[in-house]
C-alpha atoms as a PDB file:
ATOM      1  CA  MET A   1      84.092  30.215   8.243  1.00  0.00           C
ATOM      2  CA  GLU A   2      86.434  27.583   7.017  1.00  0.00           C
ATOM      3  CA  LYS A   3      84.700  23.800   6.676  1.00  0.00           C
ATOM      4  CA  ALA A   4      86.173  21.455   8.820  1.00  0.00           C
ATOM      5  CA  VAL A   5      87.279  18.497   6.523  1.00  0.00           C
ATOM      6  CA  ILE A   6      87.189  14.957   8.508  1.00  0.00           C
ATOM      7  CA  ARG A   7      89.123  12.131   6.329  1.00  0.00           C
ATOM      8  CA  ALA A   8      88.304   8.647   7.537  1.00  0.00           C
ATOM      9  CA  LYS A   9      90.844   6.162   6.602  1.00  0.00           C
ATOM     10  CA  LEU A  10      90.212   2.366   6.834  1.00  0.00           C
ATOM     11  CA  ASP A  11      93.259   1.017   8.597  1.00  0.00           C
ATOM     12  CA  LEU A  12      92.390  -2.428   8.997  1.00  0.00           C
ATOM     13  CA  LEU A  13      89.447  -5.064   8.217  1.00  0.00           C
ATOM     14  CA  ILE A  14      88.856  -8.111  10.423  1.00  0.00           C
ATOM     15  CA  MET A  15      86.245 -11.094   9.340  1.00  0.00           C
ATOM     16  CA  LEU A  16      85.611 -13.552  12.155  1.00  0.00           C
ATOM     17  CA  LYS A  17      84.867 -16.908  10.937  1.00  0.00           C
ATOM     18  CA  ASP A  18      84.125 -20.299  12.607  1.00  0.00           C
ATOM     19  CA  SER A  19      87.073 -22.415  12.163  1.00  0.00           C
ATOM     20  CA  THR A  20      84.815 -25.807  12.145  1.00  0.00           C
ATOM     21  CA  THR A  21      82.364 -24.237   9.494  1.00  0.00           C
ATOM     22  CA  GLY A  22      84.141 -22.013   7.443  1.00  0.00           C
ATOM     23  CA  PHE A  23      80.701 -19.552   8.176  1.00  0.00           C
ATOM     24  CA  ALA A  24      80.788 -15.918   9.531  1.00  0.00           C
ATOM     25  CA  VAL A  25      80.501 -15.605  12.896  1.00  0.00           C
ATOM     26  CA  ASP A  26      77.250 -13.812  13.810  1.00  0.00           C
ATOM     27  CA  GLU A  27      77.607 -13.260  16.985  1.00  0.00           C
ATOM     28  CA  ARG A  28      78.015  -9.425  18.069  1.00  0.00           C
ATOM     29  CA  ASN A  29      79.331  -9.875  21.798  1.00  0.00           C
ATOM     30  CA  VAL A  30      83.008  -8.974  20.718  1.00  0.00           C
ATOM     31  CA  ARG A  31      85.805  -7.198  21.805  1.00  0.00           C
ATOM     32  CA  PHE A  32      89.161  -6.033  20.415  1.00  0.00           C
ATOM     33  CA  ILE A  33      92.378  -5.564  22.831  1.00  0.00           C
ATOM     34  CA  ARG A  34      95.258  -4.002  20.674  1.00  0.00           C
ATOM     35  CA  ASP A  35      98.720  -4.004  22.381  1.00  0.00           C
ATOM     36  CA  GLY A  36      96.767  -4.495  25.870  1.00  0.00           C
ATOM     37  CA  GLU A  37      94.281  -1.533  25.377  1.00  0.00           C
ATOM     38  CA  SER A  38      90.598  -1.737  24.381  1.00  0.00           C
ATOM     39  CA  ILE A  39      90.050  -0.871  20.833  1.00  0.00           C
ATOM     40  CA  THR A  40      86.535   0.092  18.987  1.00  0.00           C
ATOM     41  CA  ALA A  41      85.857  -1.539  15.653  1.00  0.00           C
ATOM     42  CA  SER A  42      82.553  -0.626  13.625  1.00  0.00           C
ATOM     43  CA  PRO A  43      80.520  -3.920  12.799  1.00  0.00           C
ATOM     44  CA  ARG A  44      79.765  -4.151   8.770  1.00  0.00           C
ATOM     45  CA  GLY A  45      77.780  -7.439   8.973  1.00  0.00           C
ATOM     46  CA  GLU A  46      78.563 -10.899   8.407  1.00  0.00           C
ATOM     47  CA  GLY A  47      81.295 -11.147  11.134  1.00  0.00           C
ATOM     48  CA  SER A  48      83.187  -8.044   9.223  1.00  0.00           C
ATOM     49  CA  TYR A  49      84.583  -5.200  11.297  1.00  0.00           C
ATOM     50  CA  VAL A  50      86.532  -2.270  10.251  1.00  0.00           C
ATOM     51  CA  PHE A  51      89.072  -0.010  12.065  1.00  0.00           C
ATOM     52  CA  ILE A  52      89.122   3.728  11.174  1.00  0.00           C
ATOM     53  CA  ASN A  53      91.924   6.086  11.973  1.00  0.00           C
ATOM     54  CA  ILE A  54      93.775   3.944  14.221  1.00  0.00           C
ATOM     55  CA  GLY A  55      97.187   3.994  12.221  1.00  0.00           C
ATOM     56  CA  ARG A  56      99.163   1.120  10.709  1.00  0.00           C
ATOM     57  CA  GLU A  57     101.393   0.311  13.318  1.00  0.00           C
ATOM     58  CA  ASN A  58     102.230  -3.503  13.739  1.00  0.00           C
ATOM     59  CA  CYS A  59     100.814  -4.905  17.033  1.00  0.00           C
ATOM     60  CA  LEU A  60      98.982  -7.789  18.852  1.00  0.00           C
ATOM     61  CA  MET A  61      95.472  -7.902  18.766  1.00  0.00           C
ATOM     62  CA  GLN A  62      93.279 -10.341  21.043  1.00  0.00           C
ATOM     63  CA  VAL A  63      90.015 -10.965  19.490  1.00  0.00           C
ATOM     64  CA  ILE A  64      87.519 -11.927  22.379  1.00  0.00           C
ATOM     65  CA  VAL A  65      84.268 -13.045  21.049  1.00  0.00           C
ATOM     66  CA  TYR A  66      81.176 -14.568  23.307  1.00  0.00           C
ATOM     67  CA  GLY A  67      81.091 -18.414  22.733  1.00  0.00           C
ATOM     68  CA  TYR A  68      84.541 -18.941  21.198  1.00  0.00           C
ATOM     69  CA  GLU A  69      87.948 -19.606  22.454  1.00  0.00           C
ATOM     70  CA  PRO A  70      89.984 -16.027  22.830  1.00  0.00           C
ATOM     71  CA  GLN A  71      92.677 -15.940  20.241  1.00  0.00           C
ATOM     72  CA  THR A  72      95.688 -13.469  19.976  1.00  0.00           C
ATOM     73  CA  LEU A  73      96.615 -12.742  16.231  1.00  0.00           C
ATOM     74  CA  LYS A  74     100.019 -10.457  14.813  1.00  0.00           C
ATOM     75  CA  VAL A  75      99.200  -7.828  12.789  1.00  0.00           C
ATOM     76  CA  ASP A  76     102.015  -7.069  10.308  1.00  0.00           C
ATOM     77  CA  TYR A  77     101.217  -4.394   7.991  1.00  0.00           C
ATOM     78  CA  GLU A  78     104.216  -5.448   5.525  1.00  0.00           C
ATOM     79  CA  GLU A  79     102.275  -8.947   4.949  1.00  0.00           C
ATOM     80  CA  LEU A  80      98.721  -7.358   4.304  1.00  0.00           C
ATOM     81  CA  ASP A  81      97.462  -5.660   1.267  1.00  0.00           C
ATOM     82  CA  SER A  82      98.467  -1.842   1.147  1.00  0.00           C
ATOM     83  CA  ILE A  83      94.767  -0.644   0.054  1.00  0.00           C
ATOM     84  CA  LEU A  84      92.649  -3.094   2.070  1.00  0.00           C
ATOM     85  CA  PRO A  85      94.299  -4.776   5.009  1.00  0.00           C
ATOM     86  CA  SER A  86      92.233  -7.521   6.079  1.00  0.00           C
ATOM     87  CA  ILE A  87      92.471 -10.494   8.193  1.00  0.00           C
ATOM     88  CA  ASP A  88      90.373 -13.739   8.306  1.00  0.00           C
ATOM     89  CA  VAL A  89      90.461 -14.734  12.194  1.00  0.00           C
ATOM     90  CA  PHE A  90      89.391 -18.262  12.465  1.00  0.00           C
ATOM     91  CA  LEU A  91      87.508 -18.709  15.691  1.00  0.00           C
ATOM     92  CA  ILE A  92      87.532 -22.111  17.717  1.00  0.00           C
ATOM     93  CA  PRO A  93      84.143 -22.797  19.703  1.00  0.00           C
ATOM     94  CA  SER A  94      84.340 -22.541  23.109  1.00  0.00           C
ATOM     95  CA  GLU A  95      83.182 -25.896  25.095  1.00  0.00           C
ATOM     96  CA  ASN A  96      81.903 -23.547  28.169  1.00  0.00           C
ATOM     97  CA  THR A  97      79.436 -22.026  26.021  1.00  0.00           C
ATOM     98  CA  SER A  98      78.618 -24.565  23.260  1.00  0.00           C
ATOM     99  CA  LYS A  99      74.591 -24.383  23.515  1.00  0.00           C
ATOM    100  CA  GLY A 100      74.138 -27.880  23.808  1.00  0.00           C
ATOM    101  CA  GLU A 101      76.601 -28.588  20.516  1.00  0.00           C
ATOM    102  CA  ALA A 102      78.731 -31.704  20.335  1.00  0.00           C
ATOM    103  CA  LEU A 103      82.236 -30.790  20.323  1.00  0.00           C
ATOM    104  CA  ILE A 104      85.101 -32.888  20.131  1.00  0.00           C
ATOM    105  CA  THR A 105      88.704 -31.356  21.083  1.00  0.00           C
ATOM    106  CA  LEU A 106      92.347 -32.777  20.311  1.00  0.00           C
ATOM    107  CA  LYS A 107      94.896 -30.954  22.700  1.00  0.00           C
ATOM    108  CA  GLY A 108      98.164 -31.287  24.403  1.00  0.00           C
ATOM    109  CA  ARG A 109     101.635 -29.812  24.229  1.00  0.00           C
ATOM    110  CA  LEU A 110     104.187 -30.659  21.408  1.00  0.00           C
ATOM    111  CA  SER A 111     107.811 -28.549  21.970  1.00  0.00           C
ATOM    112  CA  GLY A 112     108.407 -26.748  18.452  1.00  0.00           C
ATOM    113  CA  LEU A 113     104.981 -26.904  17.266  1.00  0.00           C
ATOM    114  CA  GLU A 114     104.908 -23.785  14.806  1.00  0.00           C
ATOM    115  CA  ARG A 115     101.634 -24.494  12.461  1.00  0.00           C
ATOM    116  CA  LEU A 116      98.335 -26.829  13.131  1.00  0.00           C
ATOM    117  CA  GLU A 117      95.702 -27.238   9.982  1.00  0.00           C
ATOM    118  CA  ALA A 118      93.522 -29.784   8.651  1.00  0.00           C
ATOM    119  CA  ILE A 119      91.597 -30.821   6.111  1.00  0.00           C
ATOM    120  CA  HIS A 120      88.427 -33.328   5.717  1.00  0.00           C
ATOM    121  CA  PRO A 121      88.910 -35.472   2.634  1.00  0.00           C
ATOM    122  CA  GLY A 122      85.848 -36.643   2.633  1.00  0.00           C
ATOM    123  CA  ARG A 123      83.922 -33.101   2.284  1.00  0.00           C
ATOM    124  CA  ALA A 124      85.450 -31.742  -0.755  1.00  0.00           C
ATOM    125  CA  VAL A 125      84.422 -28.041  -1.695  1.00  0.00           C
ATOM    126  CA  THR A 126      85.343 -29.107  -5.206  1.00  0.00           C
ATOM    127  CA  THR A 127      87.787 -31.203  -7.477  1.00  0.00           C
ATOM    128  CA  ILE A 128      90.547 -29.571  -9.661  1.00  0.00           C
ATOM    129  CA  ARG A 129      90.140 -30.388 -13.273  1.00  0.00           C
ATOM    130  CA  GLU A 130      93.547 -28.869 -14.558  1.00  0.00           C
ATOM    131  CA  LEU A 131      96.308 -26.506 -13.457  1.00  0.00           C
ATOM    132  CA  ASP A 132      98.036 -23.915 -15.469  1.00  0.00           C
ATOM    133  CA  GLN A 133     101.390 -23.430 -13.851  1.00  0.00           C
ATOM    134  CA  LYS A 134     102.637 -20.680 -16.333  1.00  0.00           C
ATOM    135  CA  LYS A 135      99.864 -18.782 -15.582  1.00  0.00           C
ATOM    136  CA  ARG A 136      98.697 -19.731 -12.277  1.00  0.00           C
ATOM    137  CA  ILE A 137      95.063 -20.280 -13.206  1.00  0.00           C
ATOM    138  CA  MET A 138      93.407 -23.315 -11.512  1.00  0.00           C
ATOM    139  CA  THR A 139      89.972 -24.763 -13.520  1.00  0.00           C
ATOM    140  CA  VAL A 140      87.860 -26.962 -11.260  1.00  0.00           C
ATOM    141  CA  PHE A 141      84.867 -29.178 -11.874  1.00  0.00           C
ATOM    142  CA  ALA A 142      81.818 -27.293 -11.386  1.00  0.00           C
ATOM    143  CA  PRO A 143      78.553 -28.751 -13.184  1.00  0.00           C
ATOM    144  CA  ASN A 144      75.713 -26.843 -12.775  1.00  0.00           C
ATOM    145  CA  ARG A 145      76.828 -24.388 -10.042  1.00  0.00           C
ATOM    146  CA  ARG A 146      79.398 -21.700  -9.538  1.00  0.00           C
ATOM    147  CA  VAL A 147      82.105 -22.409  -6.802  1.00  0.00           C
ATOM    148  CA  ASN A 148      82.302 -20.127  -4.085  1.00  0.00           C
ATOM    149  CA  LEU A 149      86.122 -19.982  -2.975  1.00  0.00           C
ATOM    150  CA  THR A 150      85.803 -17.418  -0.714  1.00  0.00           C
ATOM    151  CA  ASP A 151      88.174 -18.444   2.259  1.00  0.00           C
ATOM    152  CA  GLY A 152      91.418 -17.673   0.467  1.00  0.00           C
ATOM    153  CA  ARG A 153      93.293 -20.520   1.515  1.00  0.00           C
ATOM    154  CA  TYR A 154      92.240 -24.257   0.641  1.00  0.00           C
ATOM    155  CA  GLY A 155      93.995 -27.564   1.097  1.00  0.00           C
ATOM    156  CA  VAL A 156      94.460 -29.705  -2.038  1.00  0.00           C
ATOM    157  CA  PHE A 157      94.254 -33.377  -1.024  1.00  0.00           C
ATOM    158  CA  ASN A 158      96.911 -35.652  -2.396  1.00  0.00           C
ATOM    159  CA  ALA A 159      95.415 -39.183  -2.083  1.00  0.00           C
ATOM    160  CA  GLU A 160      98.434 -41.313  -3.076  1.00  0.00           C
ATOM    161  CA  LYS A 161     100.238 -39.755  -0.294  1.00  0.00           C
ATOM    162  CA  THR A 162      97.867 -38.653   2.005  1.00  0.00           C
ATOM    163  CA  THR A 163      98.876 -35.185   2.463  1.00  0.00           C
ATOM    164  CA  PHE A 164      97.819 -31.701   1.000  1.00  0.00           C
ATOM    165  CA  GLU A 165      98.747 -28.645  -0.569  1.00  0.00           C
ATOM    166  CA  VAL A 166      97.876 -25.318   0.663  1.00  0.00           C
ATOM    167  CA  ILE A 167      96.976 -22.965  -2.139  1.00  0.00           C
ATOM    168  CA  GLU A 168      95.951 -19.157  -1.925  1.00  0.00           C
ATOM    169  CA  ILE A 169      93.000 -17.938  -4.139  1.00  0.00           C
ATOM    170  CA  GLU A 170      94.383 -14.504  -5.772  1.00  0.00           C
ATOM    171  CA  GLU A 171      91.502 -13.914  -7.717  1.00  0.00           C
ATOM    172  CA  GLU A 172      88.447 -15.314  -9.485  1.00  0.00           C
ATOM    173  CA  LEU A 173      88.379 -15.255 -13.054  1.00  0.00           C
ATOM    174  CA  SER A 174      85.143 -16.977 -13.855  1.00  0.00           C
ATOM    175  CA  GLU A 175      82.862 -19.451 -12.607  1.00  0.00           C
ATOM    176  CA  LYS A 176      85.423 -22.337 -12.730  1.00  0.00           C
ATOM    177  CA  LYS A 177      88.511 -20.355 -12.968  1.00  0.00           C
ATOM    178  CA  PHE A 178      90.721 -19.121 -10.688  1.00  0.00           C
ATOM    179  CA  ARG A 179      94.461 -17.546 -10.494  1.00  0.00           C
ATOM    180  CA  ILE A 180      96.667 -18.802  -7.357  1.00  0.00           C
ATOM    181  CA  ARG A 181      98.972 -16.591  -5.265  1.00  0.00           C
ATOM    182  CA  LYS A 182     101.686 -18.875  -6.489  1.00  0.00           C
ATOM    183  CA  ASN A 183     102.336 -22.672  -7.306  1.00  0.00           C
ATOM    184  CA  PRO A 184     102.307 -25.481  -4.984  1.00  0.00           C
ATOM    185  CA  ASP A 185     105.757 -26.967  -4.282  1.00  0.00           C
ATOM    186  CA  GLU A 186     104.339 -30.652  -5.302  1.00  0.00           C
ATOM    187  CA  GLU A 187     102.549 -31.662  -8.381  1.00  0.00           C
ATOM    188  CA  ILE A 188      99.076 -31.418  -8.168  1.00  0.00           C
ATOM    189  CA  LEU A 189      97.084 -33.790 -10.071  1.00  0.00           C
ATOM    190  CA  PRO A 190      93.588 -33.657 -12.020  1.00  0.00           C
ATOM    191  CA  ASN A 191      90.657 -34.914  -9.691  1.00  0.00           C
ATOM    192  CA  SER A 192      92.612 -33.649  -6.585  1.00  0.00           C
ATOM    193  CA  GLN A 193      89.924 -32.468  -3.869  1.00  0.00           C
ATOM    194  CA  ILE A 194      89.933 -29.372  -2.938  1.00  0.00           C
ATOM    195  CA  CYS A 195      89.212 -29.182   0.645  1.00  0.00           C
ATOM    196  CA  ARG A 196      88.382 -26.155   3.199  1.00  0.00           C
ATOM    197  CA  ILE A 197      91.159 -25.881   5.777  1.00  0.00           C
ATOM    198  CA  ILE A 198      90.241 -25.858   9.438  1.00  0.00           C
ATOM    199  CA  TYR A 199      92.705 -24.226  11.927  1.00  0.00           C
ATOM    200  CA  GLY A 200      93.931 -25.289  15.091  1.00  0.00           C
ATOM    201  CA  GLN A 201      95.572 -22.890  17.535  1.00  0.00           C
ATOM    202  CA  ILE A 202      98.893 -22.867  19.438  1.00  0.00           C
ATOM    203  CA  TRP A 203     100.883 -21.263  21.919  1.00  0.00           C
ATOM    204  CA  GLU A 204     104.307 -20.180  22.305  1.00  0.00           C
ATOM    205  CA  ASP A 205     105.375 -23.141  24.643  1.00  0.00           C
ATOM    206  CA  GLY A 206     103.819 -25.733  22.243  1.00  0.00           C
ATOM    207  CA  THR A 207     100.427 -25.847  23.696  1.00  0.00           C
ATOM    208  CA  TYR A 208      97.812 -26.818  21.140  1.00  0.00           C
ATOM    209  CA  LEU A 209      93.976 -26.913  20.541  1.00  0.00           C
ATOM    210  CA  PHE A 210      92.051 -28.264  17.723  1.00  0.00           C
ATOM    211  CA  ARG A 211      88.439 -29.005  18.000  1.00  0.00           C
ATOM    212  CA  ILE A 212      85.240 -29.755  15.465  1.00  0.00           C
ATOM    213  CA  ARG A 213      81.965 -30.152  15.670  1.00  0.00           C
ATOM    214  CA  ASP A 214      80.618 -33.605  15.922  1.00  0.00           C
ATOM    215  CA  ASP A 215      77.676 -34.160  13.583  1.00  0.00           C
ATOM    216  CA  GLY A 216      77.506 -37.691  13.583  1.00  0.00           C
ATOM    217  CA  LYS A 217      79.071 -38.170   9.992  1.00  0.00           C
ATOM    218  CA  ASN A 218      82.524 -39.192   8.732  1.00  0.00           C
ATOM    219  CA  LEU A 219      84.819 -37.641  11.373  1.00  0.00           C
ATOM    220  CA  ARG A 220      88.024 -38.631   9.718  1.00  0.00           C
ATOM    221  CA  TYR A 221      90.458 -35.751   9.587  1.00  0.00           C
ATOM    222  CA  LEU A 222      94.115 -35.449   8.417  1.00  0.00           C
ATOM    223  CA  ILE A 223      95.848 -32.992  10.283  1.00  0.00           C
ATOM    224  CA  LYS A 224      98.962 -31.254   8.966  1.00  0.00           C
ATOM    225  CA  TYR A 225     101.316 -29.865  11.596  1.00  0.00           C
ATOM    226  CA  VAL A 226     105.070 -28.038  11.428  1.00  0.00           C
ATOM    227  CA  VAL A 227     107.607 -29.305  14.206  1.00  0.00           C
ATOM    228  CA  ASN A 228     110.940 -27.192  14.201  1.00  0.00           C
ATOM    229  CA  GLY A 229     110.667 -26.428  10.330  1.00  0.00           C
ATOM    230  CA  GLN A 230     109.225 -30.422   9.555  1.00  0.00           C
ATOM    231  CA  ILE A 231     106.041 -31.014   7.802  1.00  0.00           C
ATOM    232  CA  ARG A 232     104.191 -33.990   9.698  1.00  0.00           C
ATOM    233  CA  TYR A 233     100.941 -35.578   9.026  1.00  0.00           C
ATOM    234  CA  LYS A 234      98.593 -37.245  11.434  1.00  0.00           C
ATOM    235  CA  LYS A 235      95.214 -39.271  10.135  1.00  0.00           C
ATOM    236  CA  VAL A 236      92.452 -38.971  13.111  1.00  0.00           C
ATOM    237  CA  ASP A 237      89.451 -40.489  13.331  1.00  0.00           C
ATOM    238  CA  PHE A 238      87.237 -38.230  15.991  1.00  0.00           C
ATOM    239  CA  ALA A 239      84.661 -41.187  16.151  1.00  0.00           C
ATOM    240  CA  GLU A 240      87.411 -43.321  18.312  1.00  0.00           C
ATOM    241  CA  SER A 241      86.921 -43.216  21.900  1.00  0.00           C
ATOM    242  CA  GLU A 242      90.436 -42.514  22.636  1.00  0.00           C
ATOM    243  CA  ILE A 243      92.141 -39.844  20.262  1.00  0.00           C
ATOM    244  CA  THR A 244      95.810 -39.776  20.798  1.00  0.00           C
ATOM    245  CA  GLY A 245      98.142 -36.599  20.644  1.00  0.00           C
ATOM    246  CA  LEU A 246     100.310 -35.517  18.443  1.00  0.00           C
ATOM    247  CA  ASP A 247     103.845 -36.757  18.313  1.00  0.00           C
END
């Protein structure tokens, strides 16, 4: 009798993270809908879900997690790693199931809005010591500790211009050295803060949603958003009683 050979191919890895903290989402009430049909994923812990033998066709994937806003993402395999295609999904906490947590929301509608993300300059992960643009190697300050840059994308704060450049971590070379995927458009100065990016959510009609947790501390954020290809910035202090929307 011939032996049956069963081959399992990992076609997609999705990692769920909380947009306000960057931590893995450990909620187990999770559903995935691909192009309108439910699809099964296998949990692997720490917010990770793997899809086995589903094929690698581009699709729209809706992620529904209890306690968070539903999110729809485009899965485009041409933009993913061919060996291990993976996507980080940053979920926005829901006000309906906040479990008593204090949340502050910025929402509205802005025609032509294409991207929305922010940093908190007062809460840097680390700072840059130097950047070798020829080798694309970034050295950071990390006295007596290992710097954990696992989010992939980070914002480098320019205090003089009140802007931030996005860098992508390609490889960790040592405890303090990282290779970035490409050099930023703007010059990055030594001692620049490296900050975690907080992601907003936008829809095709320009409706947007950005939310943070109110921990009672410094709530001054720098929002970066793109409207019809034009980059704009807005400083927002979420401690203020009235917060104006994007324009």
